[in-house]
Amino acid sequence: MNEEATGILDPIQLDLPSNQTPEEPINTHNLKCDFGKHKDKLYTRIPVGYLKWMINEPGMFPERKAIARAELKRRGTIIPSLDISGHALDRASLRLLDRWKHREDQEQGLHAWLEGQAKEALRTGKESQPGKRIHNGVWFVFEMDGEWPVLKSVYPA
């Protein structure tokens, strides 16, 4: 079976339909993922988190990233400027809870507060090692090799 019949793309070559130019948006409706835990699933059925992971994964083929980005755009999903891992949120809830409770803006939840602190650390924090910054007495550990940074951990200085 050829790629057009199966909807599975060659990982190296994005085979656009003959009537679609590379500048036009990618139509994801009949495209199937060709790898991983969602292999053979339509991109329209793949969870948002997995599509975001595909875009931010440094070793991912650019064609796959383009398809994932097109599908997120079709869904109206905003691509983040920063991602926070579950581990970082857990560490914040254990190690920084008092800081969060005693902040000025009492309307912010822990995740929103941590995201703001992490973005501020990226902008103004002092970098001690690649991906590790100190800001307001807290160490922020980022993974920086994707399209956007991922906060991996936090701990008091």
C-alpha atoms as a PDB file:
ATOM      1  CA  MET A   1       0.000   0.000   0.000  1.00  0.00           C
ATOM      2  CA  ASN A   2       1.245   3.480  -0.750  1.00  0.00           C
ATOM      3  CA  GLU A   3       1.382   6.384   1.714  1.00  0.00           C
ATOM      4  CA  GLU A   4      -1.595   8.144   0.142  1.00  0.00           C
ATOM      5  CA  ALA A   5      -3.795   5.101   0.672  1.00  0.00           C
ATOM      6  CA  THR A   6      -2.752   4.542   4.282  1.00  0.00           C
ATOM      7  CA  GLY A   7      -2.387   8.163   5.349  1.00  0.00           C
ATOM      8  CA  ILE A   8       0.899   7.245   7.065  1.00  0.00           C
ATOM      9  CA  LEU A   9       3.728   9.621   6.260  1.00  0.00           C
ATOM     10  CA  ASP A  10       7.312   8.806   5.512  1.00  0.00           C
ATOM     11  CA  PRO A  11       9.225  10.241   8.497  1.00  0.00           C
ATOM     12  CA  ILE A  12      11.709  12.034   6.253  1.00  0.00           C
ATOM     13  CA  GLN A  13       9.474  13.357   3.470  1.00  0.00           C
ATOM     14  CA  LEU A  14       6.178  15.171   3.990  1.00  0.00           C
ATOM     15  CA  ASP A  15       4.284  14.000   0.919  1.00  0.00           C
ATOM     16  CA  LEU A  16       1.743  16.752   0.317  1.00  0.00           C
ATOM     17  CA  PRO A  17      -1.211  16.127  -1.987  1.00  0.00           C
ATOM     18  CA  SER A  18      -0.528  17.392  -5.506  1.00  0.00           C
ATOM     19  CA  ASN A  19      -2.962  20.291  -5.078  1.00  0.00           C
ATOM     20  CA  GLN A  20      -1.394  21.476  -1.786  1.00  0.00           C
ATOM     21  CA  THR A  21       1.685  23.677  -1.680  1.00  0.00           C
ATOM     22  CA  PRO A  22       4.097  23.749   1.293  1.00  0.00           C
ATOM     23  CA  GLU A  23       2.919  27.296   2.134  1.00  0.00           C
ATOM     24  CA  GLU A  24      -0.707  26.202   2.572  1.00  0.00           C
ATOM     25  CA  PRO A  25      -1.944  24.869   5.916  1.00  0.00           C
ATOM     26  CA  ILE A  26      -1.601  21.121   6.305  1.00  0.00           C
ATOM     27  CA  ASN A  27      -4.929  19.295   6.252  1.00  0.00           C
ATOM     28  CA  THR A  28      -4.609  16.798   9.115  1.00  0.00           C
ATOM     29  CA  HIS A  29      -8.000  15.095   8.719  1.00  0.00           C
ATOM     30  CA  ASN A  30      -6.799  11.963   6.931  1.00  0.00           C
ATOM     31  CA  LEU A  31      -3.229  11.791   8.228  1.00  0.00           C
ATOM     32  CA  LYS A  32      -2.168   9.018  10.564  1.00  0.00           C
ATOM     33  CA  CYS A  33       0.682   9.012  13.023  1.00  0.00           C
ATOM     34  CA  ASP A  34       3.447   6.674  11.904  1.00  0.00           C
ATOM     35  CA  PHE A  35       5.242   5.964  15.195  1.00  0.00           C
ATOM     36  CA  GLY A  36       4.972   5.537  18.960  1.00  0.00           C
ATOM     37  CA  LYS A  37       2.017   4.810  21.178  1.00  0.00           C
ATOM     38  CA  HIS A  38      -0.401   6.534  18.777  1.00  0.00           C
ATOM     39  CA  LYS A  39       0.863   4.742  15.678  1.00  0.00           C
ATOM     40  CA  ASP A  40      -1.849   4.360  13.022  1.00  0.00           C
ATOM     41  CA  LYS A  41      -4.187   6.807  14.824  1.00  0.00           C
ATOM     42  CA  LEU A  42      -5.525   9.813  12.980  1.00  0.00           C
ATOM     43  CA  TYR A  43      -3.826  13.031  14.089  1.00  0.00           C
ATOM     44  CA  THR A  44      -7.302  14.389  14.789  1.00  0.00           C
ATOM     45  CA  ARG A  45      -7.637  11.736  17.535  1.00  0.00           C
ATOM     46  CA  ILE A  46      -4.249  12.186  19.205  1.00  0.00           C
ATOM     47  CA  PRO A  47      -4.318  13.922  22.648  1.00  0.00           C
ATOM     48  CA  VAL A  48      -3.163  17.534  22.835  1.00  0.00           C
ATOM     49  CA  GLY A  49      -0.374  16.673  25.293  1.00  0.00           C
ATOM     50  CA  TYR A  50       1.163  14.203  22.846  1.00  0.00           C
ATOM     51  CA  LEU A  51       1.001  16.712  19.983  1.00  0.00           C
ATOM     52  CA  LYS A  52       2.703  19.321  22.169  1.00  0.00           C
ATOM     53  CA  TRP A  53       5.349  16.769  23.116  1.00  0.00           C
ATOM     54  CA  MET A  54       5.971  16.054  19.418  1.00  0.00           C
ATOM     55  CA  ILE A  55       6.546  19.742  18.709  1.00  0.00           C
ATOM     56  CA  ASN A  56       8.873  20.241  21.671  1.00  0.00           C
ATOM     57  CA  GLU A  57      10.862  17.003  21.270  1.00  0.00           C
ATOM     58  CA  PRO A  58      14.357  17.952  19.984  1.00  0.00           C
ATOM     59  CA  GLY A  59      14.884  14.774  17.920  1.00  0.00           C
ATOM     60  CA  MET A  60      11.482  14.805  16.220  1.00  0.00           C
ATOM     61  CA  PHE A  61      11.449  15.017  12.422  1.00  0.00           C
ATOM     62  CA  PRO A  62      10.455  18.529  11.251  1.00  0.00           C
ATOM     63  CA  GLU A  63       7.644  17.062   9.113  1.00  0.00           C
ATOM     64  CA  ARG A  64       6.049  15.441  12.154  1.00  0.00           C
ATOM     65  CA  LYS A  65       6.366  18.699  14.083  1.00  0.00           C
ATOM     66  CA  ALA A  66       4.670  20.530  11.223  1.00  0.00           C
ATOM     67  CA  ILE A  67       1.736  18.099  11.231  1.00  0.00           C
ATOM     68  CA  ALA A  68       1.374  18.283  15.034  1.00  0.00           C
ATOM     69  CA  ARG A  69       1.505  22.092  14.892  1.00  0.00           C
ATOM     70  CA  ALA A  70      -1.136  22.130  12.124  1.00  0.00           C
ATOM     71  CA  GLU A  71      -3.424  19.866  14.156  1.00  0.00           C
ATOM     72  CA  LEU A  72      -3.084  22.026  17.273  1.00  0.00           C
ATOM     73  CA  LYS A  73      -3.838  25.104  15.169  1.00  0.00           C
ATOM     74  CA  ARG A  74      -6.912  23.377  13.711  1.00  0.00           C
ATOM     75  CA  ARG A  75      -8.137  22.714  17.270  1.00  0.00           C
ATOM     76  CA  GLY A  76      -7.429  26.290  18.346  1.00  0.00           C
ATOM     77  CA  THR A  77      -4.873  25.136  20.909  1.00  0.00           C
ATOM     78  CA  ILE A  78      -2.316  27.683  22.041  1.00  0.00           C
ATOM     79  CA  ILE A  79       1.275  26.507  21.901  1.00  0.00           C
ATOM     80  CA  PRO A  80       2.916  27.374  25.236  1.00  0.00           C
ATOM     81  CA  SER A  81       5.893  29.647  25.766  1.00  0.00           C
ATOM     82  CA  LEU A  82       6.771  27.554  28.839  1.00  0.00           C
ATOM     83  CA  ASP A  83       5.733  24.121  30.051  1.00  0.00           C
ATOM     84  CA  ILE A  84       5.740  22.930  33.659  1.00  0.00           C
ATOM     85  CA  SER A  85       6.384  19.258  34.352  1.00  0.00           C
ATOM     86  CA  GLY A  86       4.311  17.364  36.882  1.00  0.00           C
ATOM     87  CA  HIS A  87       7.491  16.846  38.894  1.00  0.00           C
ATOM     88  CA  ALA A  88       8.125  20.613  39.097  1.00  0.00           C
ATOM     89  CA  LEU A  89       4.554  21.221  40.241  1.00  0.00           C
ATOM     90  CA  ASP A  90       4.877  18.477  42.868  1.00  0.00           C
ATOM     91  CA  ARG A  91       8.182  19.947  44.117  1.00  0.00           C
ATOM     92  CA  ALA A  92       6.612  23.402  44.319  1.00  0.00           C
ATOM     93  CA  SER A  93       3.656  22.054  46.303  1.00  0.00           C
ATOM     94  CA  LEU A  94       6.059  20.442  48.795  1.00  0.00           C
ATOM     95  CA  ARG A  95       8.918  22.952  48.960  1.00  0.00           C
ATOM     96  CA  LEU A  96       7.416  26.334  48.060  1.00  0.00           C
ATOM     97  CA  LEU A  97       3.919  26.149  49.491  1.00  0.00           C
ATOM     98  CA  ASP A  98       4.596  28.796  52.176  1.00  0.00           C
ATOM     99  CA  ARG A  99       5.898  31.240  49.554  1.00  0.00           C
ATOM    100  CA  TRP A 100       2.802  30.644  47.458  1.00  0.00           C
ATOM    101  CA  LYS A 101       0.435  31.064  50.434  1.00  0.00           C
ATOM    102  CA  HIS A 102       2.056  34.365  51.451  1.00  0.00           C
ATOM    103  CA  ARG A 103       2.136  36.013  48.016  1.00  0.00           C
ATOM    104  CA  GLU A 104       0.446  39.332  47.215  1.00  0.00           C
ATOM    105  CA  ASP A 105      -1.983  38.025  44.582  1.00  0.00           C
ATOM    106  CA  GLN A 106      -4.215  35.639  46.497  1.00  0.00           C
ATOM    107  CA  GLU A 107      -6.313  34.954  43.384  1.00  0.00           C
ATOM    108  CA  GLN A 108      -3.599  32.882  41.669  1.00  0.00           C
ATOM    109  CA  GLY A 109      -3.478  29.122  41.938  1.00  0.00           C
ATOM    110  CA  LEU A 110      -0.207  27.286  42.468  1.00  0.00           C
ATOM    111  CA  HIS A 111       0.296  26.449  38.786  1.00  0.00           C
ATOM    112  CA  ALA A 112      -0.304  30.026  37.579  1.00  0.00           C
ATOM    113  CA  TRP A 113       1.963  31.411  40.312  1.00  0.00           C
ATOM    114  CA  LEU A 114       4.723  28.921  39.474  1.00  0.00           C
ATOM    115  CA  GLU A 115       4.445  29.695  35.763  1.00  0.00           C
ATOM    116  CA  GLY A 116       4.825  33.426  36.477  1.00  0.00           C
ATOM    117  CA  GLN A 117       7.810  32.823  38.734  1.00  0.00           C
ATOM    118  CA  ALA A 118       9.446  30.547  36.143  1.00  0.00           C
ATOM    119  CA  LYS A 119       8.964  33.092  33.337  1.00  0.00           C
ATOM    120  CA  GLU A 120      10.438  35.797  35.561  1.00  0.00           C
ATOM    121  CA  ALA A 121      13.385  33.497  36.351  1.00  0.00           C
ATOM    122  CA  LEU A 122      13.983  33.011  32.623  1.00  0.00           C
ATOM    123  CA  ARG A 123      13.897  36.779  32.022  1.00  0.00           C
ATOM    124  CA  THR A 124      15.862  38.048  35.014  1.00  0.00           C
ATOM    125  CA  GLY A 125      17.250  35.106  36.973  1.00  0.00           C
ATOM    126  CA  LYS A 126      20.947  34.527  37.331  1.00  0.00           C
ATOM    127  CA  GLU A 127      22.086  31.432  35.427  1.00  0.00           C
ATOM    128  CA  SER A 128      24.575  29.252  37.304  1.00  0.00           C
ATOM    129  CA  GLN A 129      24.680  26.382  34.817  1.00  0.00           C
ATOM    130  CA  PRO A 130      22.894  25.818  31.514  1.00  0.00           C
ATOM    131  CA  GLY A 131      19.189  25.546  32.325  1.00  0.00           C
ATOM    132  CA  LYS A 132      19.574  26.332  36.043  1.00  0.00           C
ATOM    133  CA  ARG A 133      18.587  29.794  37.292  1.00  0.00           C
ATOM    134  CA  ILE A 134      18.120  31.393  40.687  1.00  0.00           C
ATOM    135  CA  HIS A 135      15.352  33.930  41.209  1.00  0.00           C
ATOM    136  CA  ASN A 136      13.812  35.250  44.452  1.00  0.00           C
ATOM    137  CA  GLY A 137      15.657  32.644  46.519  1.00  0.00           C
ATOM    138  CA  VAL A 138      14.464  29.699  44.413  1.00  0.00           C
ATOM    139  CA  TRP A 139      16.383  27.482  42.003  1.00  0.00           C
ATOM    140  CA  PHE A 140      14.534  26.790  38.755  1.00  0.00           C
ATOM    141  CA  VAL A 141      15.759  23.903  36.617  1.00  0.00           C
ATOM    142  CA  PHE A 142      14.765  24.075  32.948  1.00  0.00           C
ATOM    143  CA  GLU A 143      15.139  21.785  29.983  1.00  0.00           C
ATOM    144  CA  MET A 144      16.032  24.189  27.198  1.00  0.00           C
ATOM    145  CA  ASP A 145      16.612  22.011  24.119  1.00  0.00           C
ATOM    146  CA  GLY A 146      13.074  22.076  22.696  1.00  0.00           C
ATOM    147  CA  GLU A 147      11.087  24.845  21.033  1.00  0.00           C
ATOM    148  CA  TRP A 148      10.064  26.179  24.451  1.00  0.00           C
ATOM    149  CA  PRO A 149      11.555  25.690  27.915  1.00  0.00           C
ATOM    150  CA  VAL A 150      10.200  23.038  30.268  1.00  0.00           C
ATOM    151  CA  LEU A 151      10.433  23.634  33.999  1.00  0.00           C
ATOM    152  CA  LYS A 152      11.701  20.315  35.369  1.00  0.00           C
ATOM    153  CA  SER A 153      12.201  21.088  39.073  1.00  0.00           C
ATOM    154  CA  VAL A 154      12.266  23.836  41.701  1.00  0.00           C
ATOM    155  CA  TYR A 155      13.803  24.059  45.144  1.00  0.00           C
ATOM    156  CA  PRO A 156      14.673  26.766  47.680  1.00  0.00           C
ATOM    157  CA  ALA A 157      18.160  28.228  47.402  1.00  0.00           C
END
